[in-house]
Amino acid sequence: AFSVSESGPAGYAMTASGTCISTGLAPGASATCTLTNDDVAPPLTLIKIIQLLTILWAFWALSRRPSYMRAVCVGLVVIAEVCATTAASGVIEGDASAAILLFTILAMGSAIVLPWGVGPQLATVAVSMIAIGVNLAMVPDAATTSPAATVGAVLAFVTSLYAAFVLERSRFAEYVALERLRVSEERKRAIFAASLDSMITIDGEGRVVEFNPAAERTFGY
């Protein structure tokens, strides 16, 4: 039996072909294989440049005419780009586990931090799952070496959707409560201003807080 190992400088990835992964040789038999060092630094550098340009574009797009829908669209574009470039990095480096971990963090972080609800979160999960599928399909042995990470990512995706749903419902309930308070305040102020009786509001320390027009006419100030 034999084994082959290699270490090299950063920026290179080794690929093997032939019988390098053979489990053993019969007595007197021989085997050949090829080890190839691929320079992965240029494509990885290009990916980092694309990610940087995407972030700069996002800042530029949000600074023009900020709005909720624009922010959601820009956020989805950035997440899709990050998933695509991360999946490409995993394929180039031959490592799917790091990409799966990043997709998990991305899904949970967007659900908790970004107030955009279930719809955009579902799109985020879909893009992340596609990126994971690409990694598992194109990285050798990824499906067998990263099963726990994949299952954890799927559970995190489901949890992120539930978190987005709960937070969206909480924000809606808060909005409804604030809207009711605003309507109540406007009604109170309308009654206060239109009343023909003098109405004065005084706080607990005896200071005048509100003085309606009828009170101004009665007291002369």
C-alpha atoms as a PDB file:
ATOM      1  CA  ALA A   1       0.000   0.000   0.000  1.00  0.00           C
ATOM      2  CA  PHE A   2       1.088   3.589  -0.468  1.00  0.00           C
ATOM      3  CA  SER A   3      -0.061   7.090   0.361  1.00  0.00           C
ATOM      4  CA  VAL A   4       0.646  10.436  -1.246  1.00  0.00           C
ATOM      5  CA  SER A   5       0.718  13.770   0.527  1.00  0.00           C
ATOM      6  CA  GLU A   6       1.876  17.202  -0.514  1.00  0.00           C
ATOM      7  CA  SER A   7       2.181  20.622   1.020  1.00  0.00           C
ATOM      8  CA  GLY A   8       2.876  23.804  -0.833  1.00  0.00           C
ATOM      9  CA  PRO A   9       2.714  27.596  -0.658  1.00  0.00           C
ATOM     10  CA  ALA A  10      -0.565  29.392  -0.178  1.00  0.00           C
ATOM     11  CA  GLY A  11      -2.467  30.083  -3.368  1.00  0.00           C
ATOM     12  CA  TYR A  12      -2.056  26.614  -4.849  1.00  0.00           C
ATOM     13  CA  ALA A  13      -4.373  23.631  -4.852  1.00  0.00           C
ATOM     14  CA  MET A  14      -3.270  20.075  -5.635  1.00  0.00           C
ATOM     15  CA  THR A  15      -5.398  17.817  -7.807  1.00  0.00           C
ATOM     16  CA  ALA A  16      -4.680  14.127  -8.328  1.00  0.00           C
ATOM     17  CA  SER A  17      -5.462  11.869 -11.249  1.00  0.00           C
ATOM     18  CA  GLY A  18      -4.753   8.241 -12.002  1.00  0.00           C
ATOM     19  CA  THR A  19      -4.335   5.747  -9.162  1.00  0.00           C
ATOM     20  CA  CYS A  20      -3.198   8.200  -6.483  1.00  0.00           C
ATOM     21  CA  ILE A  21      -6.160   7.286  -4.318  1.00  0.00           C
ATOM     22  CA  SER A  22      -5.665   3.536  -4.658  1.00  0.00           C
ATOM     23  CA  THR A  23      -6.074   1.611  -1.418  1.00  0.00           C
ATOM     24  CA  GLY A  24      -3.269  -0.808  -2.164  1.00  0.00           C
ATOM     25  CA  LEU A  25      -1.184  -2.662  -4.739  1.00  0.00           C
ATOM     26  CA  ALA A  26      -0.813  -6.341  -5.430  1.00  0.00           C
ATOM     27  CA  PRO A  27       2.722  -7.797  -4.899  1.00  0.00           C
ATOM     28  CA  GLY A  28       4.912  -6.885  -7.839  1.00  0.00           C
ATOM     29  CA  ALA A  29       2.317  -4.515  -9.319  1.00  0.00           C
ATOM     30  CA  SER A  30       2.970  -0.877 -10.136  1.00  0.00           C
ATOM     31  CA  ALA A  31       0.789   2.175 -10.469  1.00  0.00           C
ATOM     32  CA  THR A  32       1.200   5.689 -11.760  1.00  0.00           C
ATOM     33  CA  CYS A  33      -0.610   8.890 -11.015  1.00  0.00           C
ATOM     34  CA  THR A  34      -0.253  12.581 -11.666  1.00  0.00           C
ATOM     35  CA  LEU A  35      -0.164  15.390  -9.130  1.00  0.00           C
ATOM     36  CA  THR A  36      -0.969  18.827 -10.500  1.00  0.00           C
ATOM     37  CA  ASN A  37      -0.522  22.094  -8.654  1.00  0.00           C
ATOM     38  CA  ASP A  38      -3.073  24.632  -9.838  1.00  0.00           C
ATOM     39  CA  ASP A  39      -2.439  28.297  -9.199  1.00  0.00           C
ATOM     40  CA  VAL A  40      -5.743  29.416  -7.657  1.00  0.00           C
ATOM     41  CA  ALA A  41      -4.557  32.855  -6.537  1.00  0.00           C
ATOM     42  CA  PRO A  42      -5.640  34.782  -9.695  1.00  0.00           C
ATOM     43  CA  PRO A  43      -9.262  33.547  -9.740  1.00  0.00           C
ATOM     44  CA  LEU A  44      -9.595  34.022  -5.977  1.00  0.00           C
ATOM     45  CA  THR A  45      -8.247  37.550  -6.306  1.00  0.00           C
ATOM     46  CA  LEU A  46     -10.774  38.239  -9.067  1.00  0.00           C
ATOM     47  CA  ILE A  47     -13.566  36.956  -6.814  1.00  0.00           C
ATOM     48  CA  LYS A  48     -12.478  39.289  -3.987  1.00  0.00           C
ATOM     49  CA  ILE A  49     -12.448  42.231  -6.409  1.00  0.00           C
ATOM     50  CA  ILE A  50     -15.979  41.363  -7.549  1.00  0.00           C
ATOM     51  CA  GLN A  51     -17.149  41.225  -3.927  1.00  0.00           C
ATOM     52  CA  LEU A  52     -15.556  44.598  -3.182  1.00  0.00           C
ATOM     53  CA  LEU A  53     -17.129  46.197  -6.253  1.00  0.00           C
ATOM     54  CA  THR A  54     -20.519  44.796  -5.260  1.00  0.00           C
ATOM     55  CA  ILE A  55     -20.272  46.348  -1.805  1.00  0.00           C
ATOM     56  CA  LEU A  56     -19.277  49.712  -3.296  1.00  0.00           C
ATOM     57  CA  TRP A  57     -22.189  49.492  -5.738  1.00  0.00           C
ATOM     58  CA  ALA A  58     -24.580  48.750  -2.868  1.00  0.00           C
ATOM     59  CA  PHE A  59     -23.459  51.860  -0.973  1.00  0.00           C
ATOM     60  CA  TRP A  60     -23.837  53.936  -4.140  1.00  0.00           C
ATOM     61  CA  ALA A  61     -27.302  52.527  -4.935  1.00  0.00           C
ATOM     62  CA  LEU A  62     -28.606  53.128  -1.410  1.00  0.00           C
ATOM     63  CA  SER A  63     -27.221  56.665  -1.263  1.00  0.00           C
ATOM     64  CA  ARG A  64     -29.122  57.866  -4.347  1.00  0.00           C
ATOM     65  CA  ARG A  65     -32.798  57.530  -3.401  1.00  0.00           C
ATOM     66  CA  PRO A  66     -33.101  55.393  -0.276  1.00  0.00           C
ATOM     67  CA  SER A  67     -36.367  53.522   0.091  1.00  0.00           C
ATOM     68  CA  TYR A  68     -37.554  50.254   1.582  1.00  0.00           C
ATOM     69  CA  MET A  69     -38.007  48.455  -1.743  1.00  0.00           C
ATOM     70  CA  ARG A  70     -34.672  49.712  -3.067  1.00  0.00           C
ATOM     71  CA  ALA A  71     -32.933  48.520   0.093  1.00  0.00           C
ATOM     72  CA  VAL A  72     -34.561  45.073  -0.195  1.00  0.00           C
ATOM     73  CA  CYS A  73     -33.592  44.727  -3.865  1.00  0.00           C
ATOM     74  CA  VAL A  74     -30.018  45.850  -3.224  1.00  0.00           C
ATOM     75  CA  GLY A  75     -29.749  43.491  -0.260  1.00  0.00           C
ATOM     76  CA  LEU A  76     -30.943  40.534  -2.336  1.00  0.00           C
ATOM     77  CA  VAL A  77     -28.483  41.345  -5.120  1.00  0.00           C
ATOM     78  CA  VAL A  78     -25.601  41.545  -2.636  1.00  0.00           C
ATOM     79  CA  ILE A  79     -26.589  38.254  -0.984  1.00  0.00           C
ATOM     80  CA  ALA A  80     -26.906  36.522  -4.363  1.00  0.00           C
ATOM     81  CA  GLU A  81     -23.466  37.803  -5.361  1.00  0.00           C
ATOM     82  CA  VAL A  82     -21.896  36.695  -2.086  1.00  0.00           C
ATOM     83  CA  CYS A  83     -23.429  33.219  -2.433  1.00  0.00           C
ATOM     84  CA  ALA A  84     -22.277  32.890  -6.046  1.00  0.00           C
ATOM     85  CA  THR A  85     -18.708  34.040  -5.399  1.00  0.00           C
ATOM     86  CA  THR A  86     -18.419  31.984  -2.214  1.00  0.00           C
ATOM     87  CA  ALA A  87     -19.607  28.889  -4.050  1.00  0.00           C
ATOM     88  CA  ALA A  88     -17.065  29.601  -6.789  1.00  0.00           C
ATOM     89  CA  SER A  89     -14.309  29.970  -4.163  1.00  0.00           C
ATOM     90  CA  GLY A  90     -15.283  26.637  -2.640  1.00  0.00           C
ATOM     91  CA  VAL A  91     -15.125  24.934  -6.018  1.00  0.00           C
ATOM     92  CA  ILE A  92     -11.741  26.487  -6.835  1.00  0.00           C
ATOM     93  CA  GLU A  93     -10.232  25.590  -3.465  1.00  0.00           C
ATOM     94  CA  GLY A  94     -11.929  22.199  -3.330  1.00  0.00           C
ATOM     95  CA  ASP A  95     -13.460  22.941   0.088  1.00  0.00           C
ATOM     96  CA  ALA A  96     -17.223  23.030   0.567  1.00  0.00           C
ATOM     97  CA  SER A  97     -17.376  23.124   4.373  1.00  0.00           C
ATOM     98  CA  ALA A  98     -16.301  26.766   4.719  1.00  0.00           C
ATOM     99  CA  ALA A  99     -18.848  27.877   2.139  1.00  0.00           C
ATOM    100  CA  ILE A 100     -21.644  25.946   3.860  1.00  0.00           C
ATOM    101  CA  LEU A 101     -20.753  27.590   7.176  1.00  0.00           C
ATOM    102  CA  LEU A 102     -20.837  31.042   5.560  1.00  0.00           C
ATOM    103  CA  PHE A 103     -24.230  30.368   3.985  1.00  0.00           C
ATOM    104  CA  THR A 104     -25.570  29.308   7.379  1.00  0.00           C
ATOM    105  CA  ILE A 105     -24.317  32.505   9.043  1.00  0.00           C
ATOM    106  CA  LEU A 106     -25.647  34.586   6.152  1.00  0.00           C
ATOM    107  CA  ALA A 107     -29.146  33.109   6.387  1.00  0.00           C
ATOM    108  CA  MET A 108     -29.427  33.487  10.169  1.00  0.00           C
ATOM    109  CA  GLY A 109     -27.876  36.955  10.172  1.00  0.00           C
ATOM    110  CA  SER A 110     -30.163  38.308   7.455  1.00  0.00           C
ATOM    111  CA  ALA A 111     -33.265  36.922   9.208  1.00  0.00           C
ATOM    112  CA  ILE A 112     -32.394  38.556  12.525  1.00  0.00           C
ATOM    113  CA  VAL A 113     -30.727  41.807  11.439  1.00  0.00           C
ATOM    114  CA  LEU A 114     -32.596  42.800   8.262  1.00  0.00           C
ATOM    115  CA  PRO A 115     -36.247  43.858   8.803  1.00  0.00           C
ATOM    116  CA  TRP A 116     -37.508  42.554   5.469  1.00  0.00           C
ATOM    117  CA  GLY A 117     -39.896  39.724   6.299  1.00  0.00           C
ATOM    118  CA  VAL A 118     -40.485  36.213   5.004  1.00  0.00           C
ATOM    119  CA  GLY A 119     -40.469  36.899   1.247  1.00  0.00           C
ATOM    120  CA  PRO A 120     -36.917  38.248   0.902  1.00  0.00           C
ATOM    121  CA  GLN A 121     -35.711  35.733   3.500  1.00  0.00           C
ATOM    122  CA  LEU A 122     -37.167  32.905   1.431  1.00  0.00           C
ATOM    123  CA  ALA A 123     -35.262  34.227  -1.590  1.00  0.00           C
ATOM    124  CA  THR A 124     -32.073  34.321   0.524  1.00  0.00           C
ATOM    125  CA  VAL A 125     -32.573  30.710   1.614  1.00  0.00           C
ATOM    126  CA  ALA A 126     -33.260  29.603  -1.969  1.00  0.00           C
ATOM    127  CA  VAL A 127     -30.077  31.241  -3.275  1.00  0.00           C
ATOM    128  CA  SER A 128     -28.048  29.771  -0.410  1.00  0.00           C
ATOM    129  CA  MET A 129     -29.407  26.284  -1.047  1.00  0.00           C
ATOM    130  CA  ILE A 130     -28.573  26.552  -4.744  1.00  0.00           C
ATOM    131  CA  ALA A 131     -25.025  27.627  -3.855  1.00  0.00           C
ATOM    132  CA  ILE A 132     -24.663  24.687  -1.454  1.00  0.00           C
ATOM    133  CA  GLY A 133     -25.948  22.350  -4.149  1.00  0.00           C
ATOM    134  CA  VAL A 134     -23.347  23.671  -6.569  1.00  0.00           C
ATOM    135  CA  ASN A 135     -20.597  23.124  -3.995  1.00  0.00           C
ATOM    136  CA  LEU A 136     -21.740  19.584  -3.205  1.00  0.00           C
ATOM    137  CA  ALA A 137     -21.963  18.733  -6.903  1.00  0.00           C
ATOM    138  CA  MET A 138     -18.659  20.230  -8.037  1.00  0.00           C
ATOM    139  CA  VAL A 139     -16.331  19.742  -5.051  1.00  0.00           C
ATOM    140  CA  PRO A 140     -14.953  16.195  -4.979  1.00  0.00           C
ATOM    141  CA  ASP A 141     -16.231  14.089  -2.060  1.00  0.00           C
ATOM    142  CA  ALA A 142     -18.065  17.086  -0.571  1.00  0.00           C
ATOM    143  CA  ALA A 143     -21.316  15.162  -0.215  1.00  0.00           C
ATOM    144  CA  THR A 144     -19.603  12.502   1.898  1.00  0.00           C
ATOM    145  CA  THR A 145     -17.241  14.719   3.881  1.00  0.00           C
ATOM    146  CA  SER A 146     -19.705  17.478   4.853  1.00  0.00           C
ATOM    147  CA  PRO A 147     -23.010  15.746   5.692  1.00  0.00           C
ATOM    148  CA  ALA A 148     -23.265  17.211   9.197  1.00  0.00           C
ATOM    149  CA  ALA A 149     -22.570  20.738   7.929  1.00  0.00           C
ATOM    150  CA  THR A 150     -25.183  20.331   5.201  1.00  0.00           C
ATOM    151  CA  VAL A 151     -27.846  19.098   7.634  1.00  0.00           C
ATOM    152  CA  GLY A 152     -26.975  21.956  10.008  1.00  0.00           C
ATOM    153  CA  ALA A 153     -27.330  24.450   7.179  1.00  0.00           C
ATOM    154  CA  VAL A 154     -30.771  23.107   6.238  1.00  0.00           C
ATOM    155  CA  LEU A 155     -31.922  23.374   9.866  1.00  0.00           C
ATOM    156  CA  ALA A 156     -30.528  26.913  10.038  1.00  0.00           C
ATOM    157  CA  PHE A 157     -32.427  27.841   6.867  1.00  0.00           C
ATOM    158  CA  VAL A 158     -35.717  26.594   8.312  1.00  0.00           C
ATOM    159  CA  THR A 159     -35.017  28.414  11.584  1.00  0.00           C
ATOM    160  CA  SER A 160     -34.198  31.623   9.716  1.00  0.00           C
ATOM    161  CA  LEU A 161     -37.552  31.513   7.925  1.00  0.00           C
ATOM    162  CA  TYR A 162     -39.378  31.047  11.231  1.00  0.00           C
ATOM    163  CA  ALA A 163     -37.373  33.877  12.820  1.00  0.00           C
ATOM    164  CA  ALA A 164     -38.179  36.170   9.888  1.00  0.00           C
ATOM    165  CA  PHE A 165     -41.889  35.302  10.234  1.00  0.00           C
ATOM    166  CA  VAL A 166     -41.956  35.962  13.989  1.00  0.00           C
ATOM    167  CA  LEU A 167     -40.021  39.227  13.705  1.00  0.00           C
ATOM    168  CA  GLU A 168     -42.208  40.427  10.845  1.00  0.00           C
ATOM    169  CA  ARG A 169     -45.354  39.730  12.873  1.00  0.00           C
ATOM    170  CA  SER A 170     -43.854  41.510  15.887  1.00  0.00           C
ATOM    171  CA  ARG A 171     -42.946  44.562  13.791  1.00  0.00           C
ATOM    172  CA  PHE A 172     -46.453  44.619  12.296  1.00  0.00           C
ATOM    173  CA  ALA A 173     -48.040  44.469  15.751  1.00  0.00           C
ATOM    174  CA  GLU A 174     -45.805  47.321  16.896  1.00  0.00           C
ATOM    175  CA  TYR A 175     -46.759  49.349  13.810  1.00  0.00           C
ATOM    176  CA  VAL A 176     -50.478  48.790  14.460  1.00  0.00           C
ATOM    177  CA  ALA A 177     -50.080  49.853  18.106  1.00  0.00           C
ATOM    178  CA  LEU A 178     -48.193  53.028  17.132  1.00  0.00           C
ATOM    179  CA  GLU A 179     -50.777  53.832  14.455  1.00  0.00           C
ATOM    180  CA  ARG A 180     -53.615  53.477  16.968  1.00  0.00           C
ATOM    181  CA  LEU A 181     -51.750  55.700  19.399  1.00  0.00           C
ATOM    182  CA  ARG A 182     -51.249  58.316  16.677  1.00  0.00           C
ATOM    183  CA  VAL A 183     -54.938  58.298  15.763  1.00  0.00           C
ATOM    184  CA  SER A 184     -55.901  58.562  19.426  1.00  0.00           C
ATOM    185  CA  GLU A 185     -53.561  61.517  19.940  1.00  0.00           C
ATOM    186  CA  GLU A 186     -54.926  63.291  16.865  1.00  0.00           C
ATOM    187  CA  ARG A 187     -58.505  62.766  18.063  1.00  0.00           C
ATOM    188  CA  LYS A 188     -57.651  64.079  21.519  1.00  0.00           C
ATOM    189  CA  ARG A 189     -55.954  67.150  20.078  1.00  0.00           C
ATOM    190  CA  ALA A 190     -58.901  67.836  17.758  1.00  0.00           C
ATOM    191  CA  ILE A 191     -61.344  67.672  20.680  1.00  0.00           C
ATOM    192  CA  PHE A 192     -59.007  69.770  22.829  1.00  0.00           C
ATOM    193  CA  ALA A 193     -58.715  72.465  20.163  1.00  0.00           C
ATOM    194  CA  ALA A 194     -62.410  72.570  19.140  1.00  0.00           C
ATOM    195  CA  SER A 195     -63.907  72.496  22.662  1.00  0.00           C
ATOM    196  CA  LEU A 196     -65.878  75.585  23.693  1.00  0.00           C
ATOM    197  CA  ASP A 197     -64.962  74.957  27.331  1.00  0.00           C
ATOM    198  CA  SER A 198     -61.658  76.010  28.793  1.00  0.00           C
ATOM    199  CA  MET A 199     -59.329  73.031  29.089  1.00  0.00           C
ATOM    200  CA  ILE A 200     -55.965  73.164  30.807  1.00  0.00           C
ATOM    201  CA  THR A 201     -53.611  70.235  31.302  1.00  0.00           C
ATOM    202  CA  ILE A 202     -51.267  70.372  34.317  1.00  0.00           C
ATOM    203  CA  ASP A 203     -48.562  67.852  35.158  1.00  0.00           C
ATOM    204  CA  GLY A 204     -47.792  66.374  38.562  1.00  0.00           C
ATOM    205  CA  GLU A 205     -45.558  69.325  39.493  1.00  0.00           C
ATOM    206  CA  GLY A 206     -48.222  71.921  38.821  1.00  0.00           C
ATOM    207  CA  ARG A 207     -46.820  73.085  35.490  1.00  0.00           C
ATOM    208  CA  VAL A 208     -49.211  73.925  32.659  1.00  0.00           C
ATOM    209  CA  VAL A 209     -48.659  71.513  29.798  1.00  0.00           C
ATOM    210  CA  GLU A 210     -51.534  72.358  27.439  1.00  0.00           C
ATOM    211  CA  PHE A 211     -53.820  75.375  27.086  1.00  0.00           C
ATOM    212  CA  ASN A 212     -56.668  75.134  24.563  1.00  0.00           C
ATOM    213  CA  PRO A 213     -57.989  78.151  22.553  1.00  0.00           C
ATOM    214  CA  ALA A 214     -61.106  78.467  24.735  1.00  0.00           C
ATOM    215  CA  ALA A 215     -58.892  78.811  27.820  1.00  0.00           C
ATOM    216  CA  GLU A 216     -56.826  81.475  26.015  1.00  0.00           C
ATOM    217  CA  ARG A 217     -59.979  83.459  25.288  1.00  0.00           C
ATOM    218  CA  THR A 218     -61.192  83.077  28.867  1.00  0.00           C
ATOM    219  CA  PHE A 219     -57.948  84.040  30.614  1.00  0.00           C
ATOM    220  CA  GLY A 220     -56.691  86.409  27.943  1.00  0.00           C
ATOM    221  CA  TYR A 221     -53.335  84.714  27.379  1.00  0.00           C
END
